[in-house]
Amino acid sequence: MQQIVNFLIRHKTFITFFVLFCFSLFLVIQSHSYHNTKFVNSANWVSGGIYNTSNNIGDYLYLKQYNQQLIQENSYLRKLLLNSGIPIKDSLKDSDSLDRKFKVRPASIIKNSYNKLNNYLLVDKGSSDSIAQDMGVITSKGIVGIIENTSSGYANIQSVLNTYSEINAAIKNTNNFGSLKWNGDDFNVVQLVDVLRSAPIKKGDTIITGGMSSIFPKGILIGTIKDFSLDVSENYYLIDVDLFNDMTTLDQVYILENLNRKEILELENSLDE
């Protein structure tokens, strides 16, 4: 104990300087958005490298399970091709696009949280792979979230299991629209709000993306109606939606780039002005 005290006394000048330096750095990062963004991106790069190494070890241990997932994924994609009416050789030429408006890039999840109020995922693709903020993220089963920020080799995804998340969604059979949110209670269930009470809905109806934004195309699967009730105003439904994705076991995802996003945003901004 005495040695620790002597060490602190001997190096008190350096320790005081280091503490003050860290505190001043914290104040700079918190009070300037530019510095805050740079810090987040740098943290992504460091933590991404650590999680990537850990994930590579896990990948090796679970090769058999991953192979089974790939078989299921290939079966799903082949079913889409067979039901599309497009010759397979032609569809494969354009396999990196969705409705010829979206470019699709695969990525692997190396960190996933789902038991907090504001959950995020980390993937092994970043700005050097042409990944950017506000790109949609999906699996073959449904939506996952939206890219929030990137570093050179990694990107953070704001999960649908995030109380700040808000995604345009629709009831497939009726085309009634609403906003998909999460109340933080159950990581298998999200909420669809702002659907007019005049909408004909029932349990088991499929919920899909509404296509009213430049992030997701219309028709990406989300889940099915588990339960519903009227909100306090009794003018809108509050709908519980069972997610198709198991958000606790996600591994491979697809990142969607809207090739027309820049043009859409420029037009929207001109209308706002």
C-alpha atoms as a PDB file:
ATOM      1  CA  MET A   1       0.000   0.000   0.000  1.00  0.00           C
ATOM      2  CA  GLN A   2       2.802   2.358   0.927  1.00  0.00           C
ATOM      3  CA  GLN A   3       4.463   1.673  -2.434  1.00  0.00           C
ATOM      4  CA  ILE A   4       1.273   2.704  -4.247  1.00  0.00           C
ATOM      5  CA  VAL A   5       1.104   5.936  -2.228  1.00  0.00           C
ATOM      6  CA  ASN A   6       4.773   6.652  -2.957  1.00  0.00           C
ATOM      7  CA  PHE A   7       4.178   6.007  -6.683  1.00  0.00           C
ATOM      8  CA  LEU A   8       1.244   8.443  -6.754  1.00  0.00           C
ATOM      9  CA  ILE A   9       3.244  11.119  -4.923  1.00  0.00           C
ATOM     10  CA  ARG A  10       6.260  10.619  -7.175  1.00  0.00           C
ATOM     11  CA  HIS A  11       4.180  10.934 -10.371  1.00  0.00           C
ATOM     12  CA  LYS A  12       1.510  13.360  -9.156  1.00  0.00           C
ATOM     13  CA  THR A  13       2.392  15.988 -11.785  1.00  0.00           C
ATOM     14  CA  PHE A  14       1.984  13.594 -14.710  1.00  0.00           C
ATOM     15  CA  ILE A  15      -1.192  12.056 -13.254  1.00  0.00           C
ATOM     16  CA  THR A  16      -2.758  15.496 -12.740  1.00  0.00           C
ATOM     17  CA  PHE A  17      -1.831  16.490 -16.301  1.00  0.00           C
ATOM     18  CA  PHE A  18      -3.253  13.261 -17.757  1.00  0.00           C
ATOM     19  CA  VAL A  19      -6.571  13.605 -15.894  1.00  0.00           C
ATOM     20  CA  LEU A  20      -6.983  17.235 -16.963  1.00  0.00           C
ATOM     21  CA  PHE A  21      -6.057  16.345 -20.541  1.00  0.00           C
ATOM     22  CA  CYS A  22      -8.669  13.580 -20.699  1.00  0.00           C
ATOM     23  CA  PHE A  23     -11.315  15.851 -19.193  1.00  0.00           C
ATOM     24  CA  SER A  24     -10.592  18.662 -21.662  1.00  0.00           C
ATOM     25  CA  LEU A  25     -10.661  16.176 -24.563  1.00  0.00           C
ATOM     26  CA  PHE A  26     -14.049  14.926 -23.371  1.00  0.00           C
ATOM     27  CA  LEU A  27     -15.409  18.487 -23.284  1.00  0.00           C
ATOM     28  CA  VAL A  28     -14.154  19.201 -26.812  1.00  0.00           C
ATOM     29  CA  ILE A  29     -15.732  16.021 -28.223  1.00  0.00           C
ATOM     30  CA  GLN A  30     -19.066  16.626 -26.506  1.00  0.00           C
ATOM     31  CA  SER A  31     -19.375  20.279 -27.514  1.00  0.00           C
ATOM     32  CA  HIS A  32     -18.328  20.051 -31.187  1.00  0.00           C
ATOM     33  CA  SER A  33     -20.261  17.841 -33.622  1.00  0.00           C
ATOM     34  CA  TYR A  34     -17.264  17.569 -35.998  1.00  0.00           C
ATOM     35  CA  HIS A  35     -14.949  16.286 -33.259  1.00  0.00           C
ATOM     36  CA  ASN A  36     -17.702  14.006 -31.971  1.00  0.00           C
ATOM     37  CA  THR A  37     -18.158  12.427 -35.413  1.00  0.00           C
ATOM     38  CA  LYS A  38     -14.419  11.917 -35.844  1.00  0.00           C
ATOM     39  CA  PHE A  39     -14.198  10.314 -32.414  1.00  0.00           C
ATOM     40  CA  VAL A  40     -17.097   7.932 -33.150  1.00  0.00           C
ATOM     41  CA  ASN A  41     -15.543   6.905 -36.470  1.00  0.00           C
ATOM     42  CA  SER A  42     -12.150   6.310 -34.818  1.00  0.00           C
ATOM     43  CA  ALA A  43     -13.803   4.275 -32.080  1.00  0.00           C
ATOM     44  CA  ASN A  44     -15.576   2.221 -34.758  1.00  0.00           C
ATOM     45  CA  TRP A  45     -12.236   1.482 -36.420  1.00  0.00           C
ATOM     46  CA  VAL A  46     -10.586   0.323 -33.178  1.00  0.00           C
ATOM     47  CA  SER A  47     -13.529  -1.658 -31.790  1.00  0.00           C
ATOM     48  CA  GLY A  48     -14.284  -3.026 -35.243  1.00  0.00           C
ATOM     49  CA  GLY A  49     -10.841  -4.578 -35.508  1.00  0.00           C
ATOM     50  CA  ILE A  50     -11.190  -6.228 -32.104  1.00  0.00           C
ATOM     51  CA  TYR A  51     -14.677  -7.599 -32.777  1.00  0.00           C
ATOM     52  CA  ASN A  52     -13.661  -8.717 -36.264  1.00  0.00           C
ATOM     53  CA  THR A  53     -10.850 -10.869 -34.850  1.00  0.00           C
ATOM     54  CA  SER A  54     -13.189 -12.361 -32.271  1.00  0.00           C
ATOM     55  CA  ASN A  55     -15.823 -12.972 -34.937  1.00  0.00           C
ATOM     56  CA  ASN A  56     -13.332 -14.761 -37.211  1.00  0.00           C
ATOM     57  CA  ILE A  57     -12.582 -17.244 -34.411  1.00  0.00           C
ATOM     58  CA  GLY A  58     -16.309 -17.795 -33.890  1.00  0.00           C
ATOM     59  CA  ASP A  59     -16.827 -18.287 -37.638  1.00  0.00           C
ATOM     60  CA  TYR A  60     -14.290 -21.105 -37.671  1.00  0.00           C
ATOM     61  CA  LEU A  61     -15.963 -22.860 -34.733  1.00  0.00           C
ATOM     62  CA  TYR A  62     -19.426 -22.667 -36.313  1.00  0.00           C
ATOM     63  CA  LEU A  63     -18.674 -23.472 -39.967  1.00  0.00           C
ATOM     64  CA  LYS A  64     -21.232 -26.281 -40.093  1.00  0.00           C
ATOM     65  CA  GLN A  65     -24.008 -24.014 -38.789  1.00  0.00           C
ATOM     66  CA  TYR A  66     -23.070 -21.259 -41.234  1.00  0.00           C
ATOM     67  CA  ASN A  67     -23.071 -23.706 -44.151  1.00  0.00           C
ATOM     68  CA  GLN A  68     -26.606 -24.715 -43.225  1.00  0.00           C
ATOM     69  CA  GLN A  69     -27.641 -21.059 -43.173  1.00  0.00           C
ATOM     70  CA  LEU A  70     -26.119 -20.579 -46.629  1.00  0.00           C
ATOM     71  CA  ILE A  71     -28.089 -23.548 -47.956  1.00  0.00           C
ATOM     72  CA  GLN A  72     -31.321 -22.031 -46.624  1.00  0.00           C
ATOM     73  CA  GLU A  73     -30.382 -18.631 -48.042  1.00  0.00           C
ATOM     74  CA  ASN A  74     -29.644 -20.101 -51.493  1.00  0.00           C
ATOM     75  CA  SER A  75     -32.928 -21.967 -51.425  1.00  0.00           C
ATOM     76  CA  TYR A  76     -34.773 -18.757 -50.651  1.00  0.00           C
ATOM     77  CA  LEU A  77     -33.028 -16.832 -53.447  1.00  0.00           C
ATOM     78  CA  ARG A  78     -33.639 -19.583 -55.965  1.00  0.00           C
ATOM     79  CA  LYS A  79     -37.332 -19.603 -55.001  1.00  0.00           C
ATOM     80  CA  LEU A  80     -37.465 -15.862 -55.708  1.00  0.00           C
ATOM     81  CA  LEU A  81     -35.878 -16.408 -59.117  1.00  0.00           C
ATOM     82  CA  LEU A  82     -38.227 -19.226 -60.038  1.00  0.00           C
ATOM     83  CA  ASN A  83     -41.297 -17.212 -59.004  1.00  0.00           C
ATOM     84  CA  SER A  84     -40.166 -14.009 -60.701  1.00  0.00           C
ATOM     85  CA  GLY A  85     -40.656 -15.290 -64.244  1.00  0.00           C
ATOM     86  CA  ILE A  86     -37.220 -13.962 -65.193  1.00  0.00           C
ATOM     87  CA  PRO A  87     -34.778 -16.409 -66.807  1.00  0.00           C
ATOM     88  CA  ILE A  88     -32.104 -17.307 -64.258  1.00  0.00           C
ATOM     89  CA  LYS A  89     -29.213 -16.475 -66.577  1.00  0.00           C
ATOM     90  CA  ASP A  90     -30.638 -12.959 -67.088  1.00  0.00           C
ATOM     91  CA  SER A  91     -31.396 -12.356 -63.431  1.00  0.00           C
ATOM     92  CA  LEU A  92     -27.876 -13.346 -62.413  1.00  0.00           C
ATOM     93  CA  LYS A  93     -26.453 -10.646 -64.674  1.00  0.00           C
ATOM     94  CA  ASP A  94     -28.240  -8.100 -62.515  1.00  0.00           C
ATOM     95  CA  SER A  95     -27.864  -9.909 -59.203  1.00  0.00           C
ATOM     96  CA  ASP A  96     -26.453  -6.840 -57.447  1.00  0.00           C
ATOM     97  CA  SER A  97     -29.611  -4.794 -57.925  1.00  0.00           C
ATOM     98  CA  LEU A  98     -33.114  -4.722 -56.477  1.00  0.00           C
ATOM     99  CA  ASP A  99     -35.786  -3.434 -58.857  1.00  0.00           C
ATOM    100  CA  ARG A 100     -32.797  -1.950 -60.731  1.00  0.00           C
ATOM    101  CA  LYS A 101     -32.908   0.979 -58.325  1.00  0.00           C
ATOM    102  CA  PHE A 102     -31.034  -0.506 -55.398  1.00  0.00           C
ATOM    103  CA  LYS A 103     -27.535  -1.916 -55.272  1.00  0.00           C
ATOM    104  CA  VAL A 104     -27.074  -4.774 -52.801  1.00  0.00           C
ATOM    105  CA  ARG A 105     -23.847  -5.434 -50.880  1.00  0.00           C
ATOM    106  CA  PRO A 106     -23.359  -8.378 -48.504  1.00  0.00           C
ATOM    107  CA  ALA A 107     -21.827  -7.887 -45.060  1.00  0.00           C
ATOM    108  CA  SER A 108     -21.191  -9.888 -41.904  1.00  0.00           C
ATOM    109  CA  ILE A 109     -22.312  -8.823 -38.431  1.00  0.00           C
ATOM    110  CA  ILE A 110     -19.437  -8.820 -35.932  1.00  0.00           C
ATOM    111  CA  LYS A 111     -21.288  -7.277 -32.970  1.00  0.00           C
ATOM    112  CA  ASN A 112     -24.988  -7.228 -32.140  1.00  0.00           C
ATOM    113  CA  SER A 113     -26.921  -5.811 -29.185  1.00  0.00           C
ATOM    114  CA  TYR A 114     -30.610  -6.461 -28.611  1.00  0.00           C
ATOM    115  CA  ASN A 115     -31.217  -6.178 -24.854  1.00  0.00           C
ATOM    116  CA  LYS A 116     -30.882  -2.403 -24.483  1.00  0.00           C
ATOM    117  CA  LEU A 117     -33.271   0.445 -25.231  1.00  0.00           C
ATOM    118  CA  ASN A 118     -31.111   1.693 -28.123  1.00  0.00           C
ATOM    119  CA  ASN A 119     -29.486  -1.231 -29.888  1.00  0.00           C
ATOM    120  CA  TYR A 120     -26.841  -1.229 -32.620  1.00  0.00           C
ATOM    121  CA  LEU A 121     -25.053  -3.723 -34.844  1.00  0.00           C
ATOM    122  CA  LEU A 122     -21.521  -3.526 -36.237  1.00  0.00           C
ATOM    123  CA  VAL A 123     -20.681  -4.925 -39.699  1.00  0.00           C
ATOM    124  CA  ASP A 124     -17.383  -5.557 -41.485  1.00  0.00           C
ATOM    125  CA  LYS A 125     -18.024  -3.101 -44.334  1.00  0.00           C
ATOM    126  CA  GLY A 126     -17.413   0.648 -44.295  1.00  0.00           C
ATOM    127  CA  SER A 127     -16.829   3.733 -46.404  1.00  0.00           C
ATOM    128  CA  SER A 128     -14.038   2.023 -48.365  1.00  0.00           C
ATOM    129  CA  ASP A 129     -16.720  -0.465 -49.518  1.00  0.00           C
ATOM    130  CA  SER A 130     -19.036   2.405 -50.588  1.00  0.00           C
ATOM    131  CA  ILE A 131     -21.182   2.026 -47.460  1.00  0.00           C
ATOM    132  CA  ALA A 132     -22.680   5.319 -46.277  1.00  0.00           C
ATOM    133  CA  GLN A 133     -25.114   6.757 -43.754  1.00  0.00           C
ATOM    134  CA  ASP A 134     -28.855   6.114 -44.256  1.00  0.00           C
ATOM    135  CA  MET A 135     -28.493   2.897 -46.246  1.00  0.00           C
ATOM    136  CA  GLY A 136     -31.030   0.205 -45.399  1.00  0.00           C
ATOM    137  CA  VAL A 137     -29.957  -3.183 -44.006  1.00  0.00           C
ATOM    138  CA  ILE A 138     -31.944  -6.411 -44.492  1.00  0.00           C
ATOM    139  CA  THR A 139     -31.695 -10.199 -44.482  1.00  0.00           C
ATOM    140  CA  SER A 140     -33.622 -12.667 -46.619  1.00  0.00           C
ATOM    141  CA  LYS A 141     -36.258 -12.717 -43.849  1.00  0.00           C
ATOM    142  CA  GLY A 142     -36.756  -8.975 -43.393  1.00  0.00           C
ATOM    143  CA  ILE A 143     -35.397  -5.613 -42.291  1.00  0.00           C
ATOM    144  CA  VAL A 144     -32.609  -5.170 -39.750  1.00  0.00           C
ATOM    145  CA  GLY A 145     -32.042  -1.420 -39.507  1.00  0.00           C
ATOM    146  CA  ILE A 146     -30.340   1.605 -41.059  1.00  0.00           C
ATOM    147  CA  ILE A 147     -26.654   2.549 -41.344  1.00  0.00           C
ATOM    148  CA  GLU A 148     -25.954   5.369 -38.879  1.00  0.00           C
ATOM    149  CA  ASN A 149     -22.215   6.049 -39.263  1.00  0.00           C
ATOM    150  CA  THR A 150     -19.143   4.487 -40.834  1.00  0.00           C
ATOM    151  CA  SER A 151     -15.383   4.250 -40.587  1.00  0.00           C
ATOM    152  CA  SER A 152     -13.147   3.050 -43.398  1.00  0.00           C
ATOM    153  CA  GLY A 153     -13.726  -0.648 -42.769  1.00  0.00           C
ATOM    154  CA  TYR A 154     -16.794  -0.828 -40.514  1.00  0.00           C
ATOM    155  CA  ALA A 155     -20.301   0.560 -40.104  1.00  0.00           C
ATOM    156  CA  ASN A 156     -22.784   0.949 -37.245  1.00  0.00           C
ATOM    157  CA  ILE A 157     -26.403  -0.052 -37.889  1.00  0.00           C
ATOM    158  CA  GLN A 158     -29.223   1.485 -35.904  1.00  0.00           C
ATOM    159  CA  SER A 159     -31.302  -1.610 -35.195  1.00  0.00           C
ATOM    160  CA  VAL A 160     -35.081  -1.717 -35.539  1.00  0.00           C
ATOM    161  CA  LEU A 161     -34.785  -2.534 -31.824  1.00  0.00           C
ATOM    162  CA  ASN A 162     -33.880   1.069 -31.061  1.00  0.00           C
ATOM    163  CA  THR A 163     -36.296   3.534 -29.483  1.00  0.00           C
ATOM    164  CA  TYR A 164     -35.061   6.232 -31.897  1.00  0.00           C
ATOM    165  CA  SER A 165     -35.765   4.085 -34.964  1.00  0.00           C
ATOM    166  CA  GLU A 166     -38.680   5.120 -37.184  1.00  0.00           C
ATOM    167  CA  ILE A 167     -39.319   3.344 -40.497  1.00  0.00           C
ATOM    168  CA  ASN A 168     -42.156   3.754 -42.988  1.00  0.00           C
ATOM    169  CA  ALA A 169     -44.197   0.530 -43.098  1.00  0.00           C
ATOM    170  CA  ALA A 170     -47.462  -0.726 -44.550  1.00  0.00           C
ATOM    171  CA  ILE A 171     -50.021  -3.506 -44.134  1.00  0.00           C
ATOM    172  CA  LYS A 172     -49.507  -5.693 -47.181  1.00  0.00           C
ATOM    173  CA  ASN A 173     -53.129  -6.630 -47.858  1.00  0.00           C
ATOM    174  CA  THR A 174     -54.607  -3.140 -47.452  1.00  0.00           C
ATOM    175  CA  ASN A 175     -51.672  -0.833 -48.238  1.00  0.00           C
ATOM    176  CA  ASN A 176     -52.463   1.294 -45.164  1.00  0.00           C
ATOM    177  CA  PHE A 177     -49.340   3.095 -43.979  1.00  0.00           C
ATOM    178  CA  GLY A 178     -47.823   3.857 -40.601  1.00  0.00           C
ATOM    179  CA  SER A 179     -44.533   4.275 -38.760  1.00  0.00           C
ATOM    180  CA  LEU A 180     -42.590   1.324 -37.373  1.00  0.00           C
ATOM    181  CA  LYS A 181     -41.157   2.013 -33.904  1.00  0.00           C
ATOM    182  CA  TRP A 182     -40.036   0.038 -30.840  1.00  0.00           C
ATOM    183  CA  ASN A 183     -41.195   0.551 -27.264  1.00  0.00           C
ATOM    184  CA  GLY A 184     -38.200  -1.264 -25.745  1.00  0.00           C
ATOM    185  CA  ASP A 185     -40.162  -4.122 -24.177  1.00  0.00           C
ATOM    186  CA  ASP A 186     -39.734  -7.262 -26.313  1.00  0.00           C
ATOM    187  CA  PHE A 187     -36.880  -7.867 -28.797  1.00  0.00           C
ATOM    188  CA  ASN A 188     -39.192 -10.024 -30.936  1.00  0.00           C
ATOM    189  CA  VAL A 189     -41.976  -7.442 -31.220  1.00  0.00           C
ATOM    190  CA  VAL A 190     -42.033  -3.903 -32.659  1.00  0.00           C
ATOM    191  CA  GLN A 191     -44.904  -1.447 -32.954  1.00  0.00           C
ATOM    192  CA  LEU A 192     -46.685  -0.005 -35.995  1.00  0.00           C
ATOM    193  CA  VAL A 193     -48.356   3.317 -35.154  1.00  0.00           C
ATOM    194  CA  ASP A 194     -50.365   6.021 -36.948  1.00  0.00           C
ATOM    195  CA  VAL A 195     -52.529   3.547 -38.898  1.00  0.00           C
ATOM    196  CA  LEU A 196     -56.054   4.964 -39.241  1.00  0.00           C
ATOM    197  CA  ARG A 197     -58.763   3.073 -37.364  1.00  0.00           C
ATOM    198  CA  SER A 198     -60.680   2.761 -40.642  1.00  0.00           C
ATOM    199  CA  ALA A 199     -58.025   0.332 -41.910  1.00  0.00           C
ATOM    200  CA  PRO A 200     -59.315  -3.256 -42.154  1.00  0.00           C
ATOM    201  CA  ILE A 201     -56.732  -5.255 -40.227  1.00  0.00           C
ATOM    202  CA  LYS A 202     -56.565  -8.617 -38.498  1.00  0.00           C
ATOM    203  CA  LYS A 203     -54.072 -10.730 -36.597  1.00  0.00           C
ATOM    204  CA  GLY A 204     -51.633 -12.490 -38.881  1.00  0.00           C
ATOM    205  CA  ASP A 205     -51.598  -9.773 -41.562  1.00  0.00           C
ATOM    206  CA  THR A 206     -48.148  -9.252 -43.080  1.00  0.00           C
ATOM    207  CA  ILE A 207     -46.299  -5.967 -42.520  1.00  0.00           C
ATOM    208  CA  ILE A 208     -43.848  -4.749 -45.182  1.00  0.00           C
ATOM    209  CA  THR A 209     -41.802  -1.627 -45.878  1.00  0.00           C
ATOM    210  CA  GLY A 210     -43.980   1.104 -47.364  1.00  0.00           C
ATOM    211  CA  GLY A 211     -41.497   2.482 -49.892  1.00  0.00           C
ATOM    212  CA  MET A 212     -42.251   6.075 -48.845  1.00  0.00           C
ATOM    213  CA  SER A 213     -38.572   6.849 -48.230  1.00  0.00           C
ATOM    214  CA  SER A 214     -35.324   6.623 -50.161  1.00  0.00           C
ATOM    215  CA  ILE A 215     -33.911   4.035 -47.739  1.00  0.00           C
ATOM    216  CA  PHE A 216     -35.986   0.881 -48.325  1.00  0.00           C
ATOM    217  CA  PRO A 217     -37.882  -0.185 -51.446  1.00  0.00           C
ATOM    218  CA  LYS A 218     -41.515  -1.142 -51.035  1.00  0.00           C
ATOM    219  CA  GLY A 219     -42.265  -4.730 -50.092  1.00  0.00           C
ATOM    220  CA  ILE A 220     -39.365  -5.757 -47.820  1.00  0.00           C
ATOM    221  CA  LEU A 221     -40.767  -8.121 -45.192  1.00  0.00           C
ATOM    222  CA  ILE A 222     -41.000  -6.987 -41.575  1.00  0.00           C
ATOM    223  CA  GLY A 223     -43.348  -9.312 -39.677  1.00  0.00           C
ATOM    224  CA  THR A 224     -46.957 -10.200 -38.907  1.00  0.00           C
ATOM    225  CA  ILE A 225     -49.596  -8.537 -36.736  1.00  0.00           C
ATOM    226  CA  LYS A 226     -49.564 -10.097 -33.282  1.00  0.00           C
ATOM    227  CA  ASP A 227     -52.135  -7.863 -31.620  1.00  0.00           C
ATOM    228  CA  PHE A 228     -53.676  -4.409 -31.990  1.00  0.00           C
ATOM    229  CA  SER A 229     -55.719  -1.812 -30.131  1.00  0.00           C
ATOM    230  CA  LEU A 230     -56.726   1.845 -30.455  1.00  0.00           C
ATOM    231  CA  ASP A 231     -54.437   4.529 -29.062  1.00  0.00           C
ATOM    232  CA  VAL A 232     -55.565   7.116 -26.494  1.00  0.00           C
ATOM    233  CA  SER A 233     -57.108   9.327 -29.191  1.00  0.00           C
ATOM    234  CA  GLU A 234     -59.063   6.304 -30.540  1.00  0.00           C
ATOM    235  CA  ASN A 235     -58.325   7.533 -34.074  1.00  0.00           C
ATOM    236  CA  TYR A 236     -55.313   5.337 -34.789  1.00  0.00           C
ATOM    237  CA  TYR A 237     -54.285   1.745 -34.201  1.00  0.00           C
ATOM    238  CA  LEU A 238     -51.358   0.700 -32.040  1.00  0.00           C
ATOM    239  CA  ILE A 239     -50.223  -2.568 -33.621  1.00  0.00           C
ATOM    240  CA  ASP A 240     -47.782  -5.126 -32.207  1.00  0.00           C
ATOM    241  CA  VAL A 241     -45.737  -6.775 -34.969  1.00  0.00           C
ATOM    242  CA  ASP A 242     -43.936 -10.112 -34.609  1.00  0.00           C
ATOM    243  CA  LEU A 243     -40.637  -9.746 -36.492  1.00  0.00           C
ATOM    244  CA  PHE A 244     -39.721 -12.328 -39.135  1.00  0.00           C
ATOM    245  CA  ASN A 245     -36.057 -11.853 -38.219  1.00  0.00           C
ATOM    246  CA  ASP A 246     -34.717 -13.356 -35.018  1.00  0.00           C
ATOM    247  CA  MET A 247     -32.690 -10.308 -34.007  1.00  0.00           C
ATOM    248  CA  THR A 248     -30.626 -12.340 -31.519  1.00  0.00           C
ATOM    249  CA  THR A 249     -29.067 -14.689 -34.110  1.00  0.00           C
ATOM    250  CA  LEU A 250     -28.293 -12.401 -37.059  1.00  0.00           C
ATOM    251  CA  ASP A 251     -25.123 -13.178 -38.987  1.00  0.00           C
ATOM    252  CA  GLN A 252     -25.184 -12.241 -42.689  1.00  0.00           C
ATOM    253  CA  VAL A 253     -26.959  -9.111 -43.926  1.00  0.00           C
ATOM    254  CA  TYR A 254     -27.440  -7.136 -47.147  1.00  0.00           C
ATOM    255  CA  ILE A 255     -26.874  -3.385 -47.345  1.00  0.00           C
ATOM    256  CA  LEU A 256     -29.090  -1.505 -49.815  1.00  0.00           C
ATOM    257  CA  GLU A 257     -27.893   1.549 -51.729  1.00  0.00           C
ATOM    258  CA  ASN A 258     -30.617   3.547 -53.459  1.00  0.00           C
ATOM    259  CA  LEU A 259     -29.006   4.562 -56.760  1.00  0.00           C
ATOM    260  CA  ASN A 260     -31.519   7.408 -57.115  1.00  0.00           C
ATOM    261  CA  ARG A 261     -31.247   8.691 -53.528  1.00  0.00           C
ATOM    262  CA  LYS A 262     -29.235  11.818 -54.374  1.00  0.00           C
ATOM    263  CA  GLU A 263     -31.724  12.877 -57.053  1.00  0.00           C
ATOM    264  CA  ILE A 264     -34.685  12.232 -54.727  1.00  0.00           C
ATOM    265  CA  LEU A 265     -33.176  14.246 -51.871  1.00  0.00           C
ATOM    266  CA  GLU A 266     -32.291  17.159 -54.147  1.00  0.00           C
ATOM    267  CA  LEU A 267     -35.879  17.287 -55.409  1.00  0.00           C
ATOM    268  CA  GLU A 268     -37.294  17.087 -51.862  1.00  0.00           C
ATOM    269  CA  ASN A 269     -34.977  19.877 -50.688  1.00  0.00           C
ATOM    270  CA  SER A 270     -36.014  22.093 -53.592  1.00  0.00           C
ATOM    271  CA  LEU A 271     -39.675  21.608 -52.642  1.00  0.00           C
ATOM    272  CA  ASP A 272     -38.943  22.505 -49.005  1.00  0.00           C
ATOM    273  CA  GLU A 273     -37.273  25.735 -50.107  1.00  0.00           C
END
